[in-house]
Structure formats: structure tokens, C-alpha cells
Amino acid sequence: MVLTIILKIVQPSGKNNAKGSWKAAFMLFLYAITFSYAYLSLETGTGALILFASVQMTMILVGVISGRKLHLFEWLGVIIAFLGFVYLVLPGLATPSLTGFFLMSVSGIAWGFYTLAGKGSENPLSDTSYNFIRCLPLAMILIVISIQNSTLTSEGILLAILSGAITSGIGYTIWYMALGGLSDIRAAVVQLIVPVIAAFGGVLFANEALSMRLVLSSVIILGGILMVILGKHYYEHLISRNS
């Protein structure tokens, strides 16, 4: 509803009225439902590790298969950033349940393909809006199936509205906008900054302690991302200088 209202207000007349795709919408729905059910049996850190590892591998493999070769500096950046992420979530890691592991892996793969589907988006707001609209029939089926086992509270409803309208609808639109300037590999690695932002959000808004682990892991992750972003340019400069 929020995206539709925003789309009606800001959509310039004559602009390409992109309408997403059923493939992207299905991947969005698959990501959301498997993510939600996976966390019923996973610890936060373990779930995050499985999710981001799946996203990384999916997008990197698709990039490599499509002919996108990583240079040495980019590979080092990917590895360093991921090691920094593992170091960040390490205290919360636990042996995952098989069901939780499978569901979260599927969630990561689905999010990877949803991200790739947005690479060519010329109108991220419109694409995201129509992708969410296409999810409605699937969501209604899920509601019918699960409503008998659901417990509704005013707090839960409020959080669901905020999650759908702000952090998902508007947030995913911004992500599709950002994808226009990122390669598949860079988009995969940049997402590793999300847990860092969440951790610092806990420090700022939830009175959580600013630990040395958080600081060190942030430096490692950001350093790895920087290597991936600058690696190609440095490699090309090195090749041209030697030639």
C-alpha cells in the first residue's frame, strides 16, 4: 500500500513504467517465508552466517558462470570481508538444525537471485512496487493456511506494518536503486556491511556495549569491501603500467 501511494505521487508521466516480474516476485516471497521459518530453529548469529554465505556464493557463482572473472585482489577482498563477518557473529554461532539450515540456505539463494533480477532496473520504485503486488496472492494463501495457528497482538501488528512499509518496501526500493552502480560481485560483498550497521544500531539505540570485536570486525569487513571495489581498478592500472 505504501509503495503504491508513493508510486502514484512521484511517478513522472511518460517515464518507463516498469512492472517487475513474476520471477523476481517469487524470489522475494521465497526469501521472506524461508527466512521467517528458518529463524524458528536457528540462533541469530548462525542464521545470519548461513544467509549471507548463501547470498555470497549464489551471486559470485552466477557472476563467474556468466563470464565475470575475479582478479586476485577481488578474491582477497571477498575472503577478508567474509572472515570479518564470521568474526562478528562468532559468539552467537551454534550447531544449526538441519531444517533451519536448509530453509536459510534457500532464503539466501532466493535473495541472491532477487538482487540479480534488479540489476537492470530502470525504475526501481515501480519494479519493487509491482513485485510486492505480485506477492499478495501467495501471501493470502499463506495467511489462509496459517491463520488458525497465529496469535495476533497490537505490538506484533505494528511491527509487521513497520517492517513491510519501511524496512522492506522502501528499503528494497533503495537497494534496487543502488544496484545500478554495482557489479554482481560487488553487490554480493557490499551486503556484508548490513550486520555491521545492525550492530552499531544496537549500540546507538538499544544501549548495547561497543565491543572491540565489533570495531575490529567492522574494520575487516570494510577493508575487504574496499579491496573488492578498488581491486579491479588497481589490477587494470597495474596491467596497463606493465604493458
Protein backbone atom coordinates (compact mmCIF):
# COMPACT_ATOMS: atom_id res chain seq x y z
CA MET A 1 0.00 0.00 0.00
CA VAL A 2 2.79 2.44 0.91
CA LEU A 3 4.73 1.76 -2.30
CA THR A 4 1.59 2.15 -4.41
CA ILE A 5 0.83 5.54 -2.84
CA ILE A 6 4.42 6.73 -3.30
CA LEU A 7 4.41 5.47 -6.88
CA LYS A 8 1.24 7.41 -7.70
CA ILE A 9 2.69 10.60 -6.18
CA VAL A 10 6.22 10.61 -7.61
CA GLN A 11 5.87 8.66 -10.88
CA PRO A 12 6.59 11.18 -13.66
CA SER A 13 4.31 10.99 -16.66
CA GLY A 14 5.92 9.36 -19.66
CA LYS A 15 8.64 7.65 -17.64
CA ASN A 16 9.28 3.96 -18.22
CA ASN A 17 6.58 2.28 -16.16
CA ALA A 18 8.48 -0.90 -15.23
CA LYS A 19 6.37 -3.60 -13.64
CA GLY A 20 8.86 -6.03 -12.15
CA SER A 21 8.44 -9.70 -12.98
CA TRP A 22 6.82 -12.86 -11.63
CA LYS A 23 10.26 -14.43 -11.27
CA ALA A 24 11.51 -11.59 -9.06
CA ALA A 25 8.28 -11.59 -7.05
CA PHE A 26 8.50 -15.33 -6.42
CA MET A 27 12.12 -14.99 -5.29
CA LEU A 28 11.11 -12.16 -2.94
CA PHE A 29 8.33 -14.27 -1.43
CA LEU A 30 10.53 -17.36 -1.19
CA TYR A 31 13.25 -15.34 0.57
CA ALA A 32 10.78 -13.92 3.10
CA ILE A 33 8.95 -17.11 4.02
CA THR A 34 12.01 -19.37 4.29
CA PHE A 35 13.84 -16.68 6.28
CA SER A 36 10.92 -16.38 8.71
CA TYR A 37 10.51 -20.10 9.33
CA ALA A 38 14.25 -20.76 9.43
CA TYR A 39 14.68 -18.44 12.41
CA LEU A 40 12.24 -20.53 14.44
CA SER A 41 15.04 -23.07 14.87
CA LEU A 42 18.23 -21.01 14.42
CA GLU A 43 20.27 -18.71 16.62
CA THR A 44 20.65 -15.16 15.29
CA GLY A 45 24.37 -15.40 14.50
CA THR A 46 24.10 -18.85 12.94
CA GLY A 47 21.17 -17.80 10.77
CA ALA A 48 22.98 -14.68 9.61
CA LEU A 49 26.09 -16.67 8.70
CA ILE A 50 24.11 -19.20 6.64
CA LEU A 51 22.07 -16.46 4.95
CA PHE A 52 24.97 -14.23 3.94
CA ALA A 53 27.13 -17.19 2.90
CA SER A 54 24.33 -18.39 0.62
CA VAL A 55 23.83 -14.92 -0.86
CA GLN A 56 27.57 -14.55 -1.46
CA MET A 57 28.01 -17.94 -3.12
CA THR A 58 24.92 -17.53 -5.28
CA MET A 59 25.85 -14.13 -6.67
CA ILE A 60 29.54 -14.91 -7.09
CA LEU A 61 28.82 -18.22 -8.86
CA VAL A 62 26.29 -16.58 -11.18
CA GLY A 63 28.82 -13.85 -11.93
CA VAL A 64 31.60 -16.36 -12.66
CA ILE A 65 29.32 -18.56 -14.81
CA SER A 66 28.23 -15.51 -16.83
CA GLY A 67 31.86 -14.71 -17.58
CA ARG A 68 32.70 -12.23 -14.83
CA LYS A 69 36.22 -13.15 -13.66
CA LEU A 70 37.52 -12.07 -10.28
CA HIS A 71 41.06 -10.79 -10.05
CA LEU A 72 43.35 -11.69 -7.16
CA PHE A 73 42.64 -8.50 -5.21
CA GLU A 74 38.89 -9.04 -5.56
CA TRP A 75 39.13 -12.63 -4.33
CA LEU A 76 41.21 -11.46 -1.36
CA GLY A 77 38.63 -8.78 -0.62
CA VAL A 78 35.76 -11.28 -0.70
CA ILE A 79 37.60 -13.65 1.64
CA ILE A 80 38.68 -10.90 4.07
CA ALA A 81 35.19 -9.35 4.22
CA PHE A 82 33.58 -12.73 4.86
CA LEU A 83 36.12 -13.62 7.55
CA GLY A 84 35.34 -10.31 9.23
CA PHE A 85 31.65 -11.18 9.14
CA VAL A 86 32.32 -14.64 10.65
CA TYR A 87 34.37 -12.99 13.41
CA LEU A 88 31.47 -10.61 14.13
CA VAL A 89 28.82 -13.33 14.51
CA LEU A 90 31.13 -15.96 16.03
CA PRO A 91 29.89 -15.61 19.66
CA GLY A 92 26.34 -16.41 18.58
CA LEU A 93 27.16 -19.44 16.46
CA ALA A 94 25.63 -22.78 17.36
CA THR A 95 25.14 -26.07 15.56
CA PRO A 96 22.14 -25.41 13.29
CA SER A 97 19.18 -27.71 12.91
CA LEU A 98 19.01 -29.41 9.53
CA THR A 99 15.64 -27.86 8.76
CA GLY A 100 16.79 -24.39 9.76
CA PHE A 101 19.99 -24.74 7.73
CA PHE A 102 18.09 -25.83 4.62
CA LEU A 103 15.46 -23.08 4.87
CA MET A 104 18.01 -20.32 5.47
CA SER A 105 20.16 -21.57 2.58
CA VAL A 106 17.14 -21.42 0.28
CA SER A 107 16.40 -17.93 1.62
CA GLY A 108 19.92 -16.74 0.79
CA ILE A 109 19.79 -18.23 -2.71
CA ALA A 110 16.39 -16.58 -3.33
CA TRP A 111 17.64 -13.18 -2.14
CA GLY A 112 20.70 -13.54 -4.38
CA PHE A 113 18.51 -14.12 -7.44
CA TYR A 114 16.11 -11.33 -6.40
CA THR A 115 19.10 -8.98 -6.23
CA LEU A 116 20.34 -10.11 -9.63
CA ALA A 117 16.86 -9.54 -11.07
CA GLY A 118 17.12 -5.89 -10.05
CA LYS A 119 20.44 -5.26 -11.80
CA GLY A 120 18.82 -3.94 -14.95
CA SER A 121 16.02 -2.00 -13.27
CA GLU A 122 15.41 1.41 -14.86
CA ASN A 123 12.64 2.27 -12.41
CA PRO A 124 13.40 0.65 -9.01
CA LEU A 125 10.33 2.11 -7.28
CA SER A 126 7.93 0.77 -9.89
CA ASP A 127 9.67 -2.62 -10.13
CA THR A 128 9.67 -3.08 -6.35
CA SER A 129 6.02 -2.00 -6.07
CA TYR A 130 4.81 -4.46 -8.66
CA ASN A 131 6.98 -7.24 -7.24
CA PHE A 132 5.28 -6.76 -3.87
CA ILE A 133 1.84 -6.65 -5.52
CA ARG A 134 2.56 -9.96 -7.22
CA CYS A 135 3.42 -11.43 -3.80
CA LEU A 136 -0.08 -10.71 -2.48
CA PRO A 137 -1.79 -13.88 -3.83
CA LEU A 138 0.99 -16.02 -2.34
CA ALA A 139 0.74 -14.16 0.95
CA MET A 140 -3.04 -14.64 1.05
CA ILE A 141 -2.63 -18.39 0.55
CA LEU A 142 -0.11 -18.45 3.41
CA ILE A 143 -2.50 -16.50 5.66
CA VAL A 144 -5.34 -18.95 4.99
CA ILE A 145 -3.08 -21.90 5.79
CA SER A 146 -1.52 -20.47 8.95
CA ILE A 147 -4.22 -18.22 10.45
CA GLN A 148 -5.52 -20.91 12.84
CA ASN A 149 -2.10 -21.21 14.49
CA SER A 150 -1.43 -17.47 14.61
CA THR A 151 -1.53 -15.19 17.63
CA LEU A 152 -2.19 -11.51 16.92
CA THR A 153 -1.09 -8.73 19.27
CA SER A 154 -1.15 -4.95 18.81
CA GLU A 155 2.63 -4.83 19.13
CA GLY A 156 3.09 -7.60 16.56
CA ILE A 157 0.75 -5.89 14.09
CA LEU A 158 2.58 -2.57 14.50
CA LEU A 159 5.98 -4.18 13.99
CA ALA A 160 4.69 -6.05 10.92
CA ILE A 161 3.39 -2.80 9.40
CA LEU A 162 6.70 -1.02 10.02
CA SER A 163 8.62 -4.00 8.64
CA GLY A 164 6.51 -4.17 5.50
CA ALA A 165 6.14 -0.46 4.77
CA ILE A 166 9.53 0.94 5.79
CA THR A 167 12.32 -1.61 6.12
CA SER A 168 11.07 -3.90 3.33
CA GLY A 169 9.12 -1.82 0.80
CA ILE A 170 11.15 1.40 0.90
CA GLY A 171 14.38 -0.38 1.89
CA TYR A 172 14.24 -2.82 -1.04
CA THR A 173 13.50 0.07 -3.41
CA ILE A 174 16.67 1.85 -2.27
CA TRP A 175 18.59 -1.42 -2.72
CA TYR A 176 17.34 -1.75 -6.32
CA MET A 177 18.43 1.85 -6.92
CA ALA A 178 21.91 1.10 -5.56
CA LEU A 179 22.30 -1.99 -7.76
CA GLY A 180 22.57 0.18 -10.86
CA GLY A 181 26.12 1.13 -9.87
CA LEU A 182 27.31 -2.26 -8.59
CA SER A 183 28.55 -5.38 -10.32
CA ASP A 184 27.20 -8.77 -9.22
CA ILE A 185 30.29 -9.45 -7.12
CA ARG A 186 30.36 -6.02 -5.53
CA ALA A 187 26.66 -6.21 -4.72
CA ALA A 188 27.25 -9.56 -3.02
CA VAL A 189 30.13 -8.26 -0.89
CA VAL A 190 28.60 -4.89 -0.02
CA GLN A 191 25.71 -6.69 1.70
CA LEU A 192 28.14 -7.90 4.36
CA ILE A 193 28.03 -4.40 5.81
CA VAL A 194 24.41 -5.00 6.90
CA PRO A 195 25.30 -6.89 10.12
CA VAL A 196 27.79 -4.12 10.97
CA ILE A 197 25.10 -1.46 10.58
CA ALA A 198 22.72 -3.56 12.68
CA ALA A 199 25.34 -3.99 15.40
CA PHE A 200 26.09 -0.27 15.56
CA GLY A 201 22.34 0.35 15.59
CA GLY A 202 22.20 -1.76 18.73
CA VAL A 203 24.89 0.42 20.27
CA LEU A 204 23.11 3.67 19.36
CA PHE A 205 19.50 2.75 20.03
CA ALA A 206 19.49 -0.27 22.36
CA ASN A 207 22.25 0.72 24.81
CA GLU A 208 24.40 -2.23 23.77
CA ALA A 209 28.12 -2.09 24.55
CA LEU A 210 30.60 -1.01 21.89
CA SER A 211 32.94 -4.01 21.94
CA MET A 212 36.41 -4.38 20.49
CA ARG A 213 35.07 -7.34 18.47
CA LEU A 214 32.57 -5.03 16.76
CA VAL A 215 35.23 -2.44 15.97
CA LEU A 216 37.74 -4.99 14.64
CA SER A 217 35.19 -6.90 12.57
CA SER A 218 33.90 -3.63 11.10
CA VAL A 219 37.41 -2.64 10.04
CA ILE A 220 38.00 -6.10 8.49
CA ILE A 221 34.67 -6.14 6.63
CA LEU A 222 35.01 -2.57 5.35
CA GLY A 223 38.61 -3.26 4.34
CA GLY A 224 37.55 -6.33 2.37
CA ILE A 225 34.74 -4.41 0.66
CA LEU A 226 37.18 -1.65 -0.25
CA MET A 227 39.54 -4.21 -1.78
CA VAL A 228 36.74 -5.61 -3.94
CA ILE A 229 35.64 -2.15 -5.07
CA LEU A 230 39.14 -0.88 -5.82
CA GLY A 231 40.69 -4.23 -6.79
CA LYS A 232 39.62 -4.23 -10.43
CA HIS A 233 40.77 -0.65 -11.00
CA TYR A 234 44.12 -1.35 -9.34
CA TYR A 235 44.59 -4.54 -11.36
CA GLU A 236 43.79 -2.79 -14.65
CA HIS A 237 46.17 0.06 -13.74
CA LEU A 238 48.90 -2.46 -12.91
CA ILE A 239 48.41 -4.31 -16.21
CA SER A 240 48.43 -1.11 -18.26
CA ARG A 241 51.57 0.15 -16.50
CA ASN A 242 53.44 -3.13 -17.09
CA SER A 243 52.40 -3.21 -20.72
